[in-house]
Amino acid sequence: MLNMILHGTPTDRTPVLIAHGLYGSARNWGVIAKRLSDTRQVVAVDMRNHGDSPWHDTHGYPDLADDLAEVITYFGAPFDVLGHSMGGKAAMMLALSHPDLVRRLVIADIAPVAYSHSQLPFVEKMRAVDLGIVTRKSEASAQLGELGVEPALQSFFTQSLDVAGKRWRYNLDALEAEMPRIMGFPETTARWDGPTLFLTGAASDYVLPEHRAQIRALFPQARFAKIPGAGHWLHADKPREFEANLRAYLDA
């Protein structure tokens, strides 16, 4: 089962499951999860091949959806599910393949489409870091900076660095091999008729007007909202605005 971080205790409100994006972890969502847990239990997971969760050779969205379904089944109740980027695609596939496990769905800045860009350069840059001489995360950040990684991403990646163990908490081999599946989305005839919010950053180009037909084909009840001044990492760019939108939707 996936590694989980639990925030709060069960209440009369539906619990929330948070699925992070590529190269992320449950810890990335700690602040928002803790704030949301004032009224409901929140479960943040490390996705497979990330953090402290098991490593597998496969990393397709049916696999990730089954992982999330196992977590929800363990708790024995439907969840509201929030997924960002890769985690958003996993959450969509969860609702399409395990519809009874999801009450409400929030998809943060991603669409159920294939993207043409690749995240492989970051795998190469992390492999290029000489972990043998790293004694603190700041030293790894400095090496990433020399490799052309911007400061925000340096900090993001090194959150998943095990300095003592001299290793990244990513299965880089599997993520590299499965990158075409990560950037894509499975062909499916399924649809989920439950309430779904596509929450995007106004400065992001991940969810475009031309994606709406495909979104509505799979999620007929989809609603759309944008957060001004936020990019793809909308929960980090505008955390209070993100939280306010999320609360309003889940509590509706």
Protein backbone atom coordinates (compact mmCIF):
# COMPACT_ATOMS: atom_id res chain seq x y z
CA MET A 1 0.00 0.00 0.00
CA LEU A 2 1.06 3.58 -0.57
CA ASN A 3 2.77 5.47 2.22
CA MET A 4 0.25 7.82 3.87
CA ILE A 5 0.39 10.91 6.07
CA LEU A 6 -2.84 11.41 8.05
CA HIS A 7 -4.00 14.84 9.15
CA GLY A 8 -6.81 15.21 11.66
CA THR A 9 -9.36 12.62 12.73
CA PRO A 10 -12.59 11.38 11.13
CA THR A 11 -15.54 13.80 11.33
CA ASP A 12 -19.05 13.85 9.89
CA ARG A 13 -17.62 15.31 6.67
CA THR A 14 -16.23 13.24 3.81
CA PRO A 15 -12.47 12.70 4.15
CA VAL A 16 -10.11 14.03 1.49
CA LEU A 17 -7.39 12.10 -0.33
CA ILE A 18 -4.55 14.14 -1.87
CA ALA A 19 -2.51 12.78 -4.79
CA HIS A 20 0.60 14.81 -5.62
CA GLY A 21 2.22 15.44 -8.98
CA LEU A 22 5.36 14.08 -10.64
CA TYR A 23 8.48 14.35 -8.44
CA GLY A 24 6.31 15.42 -5.50
CA SER A 25 5.41 13.79 -2.20
CA ALA A 26 2.80 13.81 0.52
CA ARG A 27 4.98 16.24 2.48
CA ASN A 28 4.64 18.87 -0.25
CA TRP A 29 0.97 19.15 0.70
CA GLY A 30 1.48 19.31 4.46
CA VAL A 31 0.39 22.91 5.03
CA ILE A 32 -2.81 22.70 2.99
CA ALA A 33 -3.62 19.24 4.38
CA LYS A 34 -3.22 20.45 7.97
CA ARG A 35 -5.41 23.49 7.36
CA LEU A 36 -8.15 21.40 5.72
CA SER A 37 -8.06 18.91 8.59
CA ASP A 38 -9.76 21.38 10.92
CA THR A 39 -13.12 20.07 9.62
CA ARG A 40 -12.35 16.67 8.09
CA GLN A 41 -9.69 13.99 7.97
CA VAL A 42 -7.15 14.44 5.19
CA VAL A 43 -4.96 11.65 3.82
CA ALA A 44 -1.96 12.63 1.70
CA VAL A 45 -0.12 9.83 -0.07
CA ASP A 46 3.25 9.27 -1.67
CA MET A 47 2.45 7.99 -5.15
CA ARG A 48 4.23 4.82 -6.29
CA ASN A 49 7.89 5.32 -7.21
CA HIS A 50 7.93 8.47 -5.03
CA GLY A 51 8.73 9.17 -1.40
CA ASP A 52 8.39 6.21 0.94
CA SER A 53 5.91 4.27 -1.20
CA PRO A 54 6.79 1.00 -2.96
CA TRP A 55 8.71 1.01 -6.22
CA HIS A 56 7.29 -0.72 -9.29
CA ASP A 57 8.39 -1.09 -12.91
CA THR A 58 5.03 0.23 -14.14
CA HIS A 59 3.73 3.77 -13.74
CA GLY A 60 0.60 3.98 -15.89
CA TYR A 61 -2.59 5.65 -14.76
CA PRO A 62 -4.57 2.41 -14.31
CA ASP A 63 -1.80 1.36 -11.88
CA LEU A 64 -1.89 4.66 -10.02
CA ALA A 65 -5.69 4.58 -9.85
CA ASP A 66 -5.64 1.10 -8.35
CA ASP A 67 -3.13 2.31 -5.74
CA LEU A 68 -5.49 5.11 -4.71
CA ALA A 69 -8.45 2.72 -4.69
CA GLU A 70 -6.57 0.45 -2.29
CA VAL A 71 -6.06 3.35 0.12
CA ILE A 72 -9.72 4.40 0.03
CA THR A 73 -10.89 0.80 0.44
CA TYR A 74 -8.63 0.46 3.47
CA PHE A 75 -10.56 3.31 5.15
CA GLY A 76 -13.86 1.82 4.05
CA ALA A 77 -15.66 4.91 2.81
CA PRO A 78 -15.90 7.12 -0.29
CA PHE A 79 -13.50 10.05 -0.35
CA ASP A 80 -13.34 13.45 -1.91
CA VAL A 81 -10.23 13.26 -4.06
CA LEU A 82 -7.82 16.07 -4.94
CA GLY A 83 -5.10 15.44 -7.50
CA HIS A 84 -2.50 17.80 -8.94
CA SER A 85 -0.86 17.27 -12.34
CA MET A 86 0.16 13.58 -12.51
CA GLY A 87 -1.91 13.02 -9.37
CA GLY A 88 -4.82 14.71 -11.11
CA LYS A 89 -4.65 12.23 -13.97
CA ALA A 90 -4.49 9.40 -11.44
CA ALA A 91 -7.53 10.84 -9.64
CA MET A 92 -9.45 11.08 -12.91
CA MET A 93 -8.66 7.46 -13.74
CA LEU A 94 -9.69 6.48 -10.20
CA ALA A 95 -13.13 8.04 -10.68
CA LEU A 96 -13.50 6.46 -14.13
CA SER A 97 -12.47 2.97 -13.01
CA HIS A 98 -13.69 2.93 -9.37
CA PRO A 99 -16.65 5.35 -9.44
CA ASP A 100 -18.18 4.25 -6.13
CA LEU A 101 -15.06 5.27 -4.20
CA VAL A 102 -15.26 8.97 -5.09
CA ARG A 103 -17.81 11.56 -3.89
CA ARG A 104 -16.31 14.74 -5.32
CA LEU A 105 -13.29 15.23 -7.56
CA VAL A 106 -10.94 18.22 -7.71
CA ILE A 107 -8.40 18.25 -10.52
CA ALA A 108 -5.64 20.82 -10.14
CA ASP A 109 -4.18 22.15 -13.39
CA ILE A 110 -4.21 19.11 -15.66
CA ALA A 111 -6.47 17.70 -18.39
CA PRO A 112 -7.13 14.09 -19.50
CA VAL A 113 -5.00 14.55 -22.61
CA ALA A 114 -1.50 13.72 -23.84
CA TYR A 115 1.11 16.46 -23.47
CA SER A 116 3.97 16.89 -25.91
CA HIS A 117 6.59 18.17 -23.47
CA SER A 118 8.74 15.80 -21.43
CA GLN A 119 9.95 15.80 -17.85
CA LEU A 120 12.93 13.59 -18.66
CA PRO A 121 15.54 16.38 -18.42
CA PHE A 122 14.90 16.56 -14.68
CA VAL A 123 15.66 12.84 -14.32
CA GLU A 124 18.97 13.45 -16.08
CA LYS A 125 19.80 16.44 -13.89
CA MET A 126 19.07 14.56 -10.66
CA ARG A 127 21.25 11.69 -11.83
CA ALA A 128 24.02 14.18 -12.57
CA VAL A 129 24.18 15.34 -8.94
CA ASP A 130 27.19 13.81 -7.18
CA LEU A 131 25.42 12.55 -4.06
CA GLY A 132 28.66 11.06 -2.76
CA ILE A 133 29.91 14.50 -1.76
CA VAL A 134 26.57 15.89 -0.55
CA THR A 135 26.30 16.37 3.22
CA ARG A 136 23.26 18.68 3.24
CA LYS A 137 20.40 19.48 0.89
CA SER A 138 21.76 22.95 0.13
CA GLU A 139 24.79 21.33 -1.51
CA ALA A 140 22.55 19.27 -3.78
CA SER A 141 20.57 22.43 -4.58
CA ALA A 142 23.79 24.17 -5.57
CA GLN A 143 24.69 21.35 -7.93
CA LEU A 144 21.21 21.44 -9.47
CA GLY A 145 21.61 25.19 -9.93
CA GLU A 146 24.87 24.65 -11.81
CA LEU A 147 22.94 22.24 -14.05
CA GLY A 148 20.43 24.95 -14.89
CA VAL A 149 17.58 24.03 -12.52
CA GLU A 150 15.70 27.10 -11.26
CA PRO A 151 15.73 27.79 -7.48
CA ALA A 152 12.07 26.87 -6.88
CA LEU A 153 12.57 23.44 -8.45
CA GLN A 154 15.87 22.94 -6.62
CA SER A 155 13.99 23.23 -3.34
CA PHE A 156 11.14 21.07 -4.62
CA PHE A 157 13.39 18.20 -5.74
CA THR A 158 15.59 18.22 -2.66
CA GLN A 159 12.54 17.71 -0.44
CA SER A 160 12.74 14.13 -1.75
CA LEU A 161 16.48 13.74 -1.20
CA ASP A 162 17.69 11.27 1.43
CA VAL A 163 21.01 12.89 2.33
CA ALA A 164 22.08 10.21 4.81
CA GLY A 165 21.21 7.41 2.39
CA LYS A 166 22.82 9.22 -0.56
CA ARG A 167 19.78 8.65 -2.76
CA TRP A 168 16.76 10.29 -4.29
CA ARG A 169 13.39 9.07 -3.04
CA TYR A 170 12.34 8.49 -6.65
CA ASN A 171 12.49 5.39 -8.79
CA LEU A 172 14.18 7.35 -11.57
CA ASP A 173 14.61 4.28 -13.78
CA ALA A 174 10.88 3.51 -13.77
CA LEU A 175 9.86 7.15 -14.19
CA GLU A 176 12.20 7.46 -17.17
CA ALA A 177 10.94 4.27 -18.81
CA GLU A 178 7.28 5.15 -18.21
CA MET A 179 7.48 8.85 -19.11
CA PRO A 180 5.40 8.44 -22.31
CA ARG A 181 2.57 6.94 -20.22
CA ILE A 182 2.95 9.67 -17.57
CA MET A 183 2.65 12.40 -20.19
CA GLY A 184 -0.28 10.65 -21.88
CA PHE A 185 -3.72 9.53 -20.76
CA PRO A 186 -5.38 6.16 -21.45
CA GLU A 187 -8.02 5.80 -24.12
CA THR A 188 -11.30 5.00 -22.38
CA THR A 189 -15.02 4.88 -23.06
CA ALA A 190 -15.86 5.29 -19.36
CA ARG A 191 -17.28 8.45 -17.89
CA TRP A 192 -17.91 9.69 -14.36
CA ASP A 193 -21.08 11.62 -13.68
CA GLY A 194 -20.11 12.91 -10.25
CA PRO A 195 -19.31 16.53 -9.37
CA THR A 196 -15.89 17.54 -10.68
CA LEU A 197 -13.97 20.80 -10.40
CA PHE A 198 -11.09 21.62 -12.74
CA LEU A 199 -9.16 24.26 -10.81
CA THR A 200 -6.38 25.88 -12.82
CA GLY A 201 -3.79 28.62 -12.60
CA ALA A 202 -4.68 31.58 -14.79
CA ALA A 203 -1.03 31.86 -15.87
CA SER A 204 -0.77 28.14 -16.73
CA ASP A 205 -1.26 26.60 -20.18
CA TYR A 206 -1.91 23.04 -19.00
CA VAL A 207 -5.71 23.24 -19.35
CA LEU A 208 -6.73 24.99 -22.57
CA PRO A 209 -10.15 25.81 -24.05
CA GLU A 210 -9.64 23.07 -26.66
CA HIS A 211 -9.38 20.49 -23.86
CA ARG A 212 -12.91 21.14 -22.59
CA ALA A 213 -14.65 18.85 -25.08
CA GLN A 214 -12.56 15.88 -23.92
CA ILE A 215 -13.03 16.83 -20.29
CA ARG A 216 -16.81 17.02 -20.62
CA ALA A 217 -16.92 13.73 -22.54
CA LEU A 218 -15.40 11.98 -19.51
CA PHE A 219 -16.77 14.25 -16.76
CA PRO A 220 -20.15 15.68 -17.86
CA GLN A 221 -20.64 17.56 -14.57
CA ALA A 222 -17.27 19.33 -14.83
CA ARG A 223 -17.00 22.90 -13.60
CA PHE A 224 -14.06 25.20 -14.20
CA ALA A 225 -12.37 27.86 -12.07
CA LYS A 226 -9.11 29.81 -12.35
CA ILE A 227 -6.89 31.36 -9.73
CA PRO A 228 -5.48 34.72 -10.89
CA GLY A 229 -1.72 35.08 -10.69
CA ALA A 230 -1.11 31.34 -10.30
CA GLY A 231 0.79 29.04 -12.63
CA HIS A 232 0.91 25.25 -12.81
CA TRP A 233 1.98 25.04 -9.15
CA LEU A 234 -1.17 26.92 -8.16
CA HIS A 235 -1.30 25.51 -4.61
CA ALA A 236 2.21 26.85 -3.97
CA ASP A 237 1.77 30.13 -5.89
CA LYS A 238 -1.51 31.09 -4.22
CA PRO A 239 -2.05 28.74 -1.26
CA ARG A 240 -4.77 30.75 0.50
CA GLU A 241 -6.76 31.25 -2.70
CA PHE A 242 -6.34 27.58 -3.56
CA GLU A 243 -7.55 26.55 -0.11
CA ALA A 244 -10.54 28.90 -0.29
CA ASN A 245 -11.64 27.49 -3.65
CA LEU A 246 -11.18 23.95 -2.41
CA ARG A 247 -13.18 24.51 0.80
CA ALA A 248 -16.01 26.24 -1.05
CA TYR A 249 -16.33 23.36 -3.47
CA LEU A 250 -16.03 20.51 -0.99
CA ASP A 251 -18.48 22.16 1.42
CA ALA A 252 -21.09 23.02 -1.24
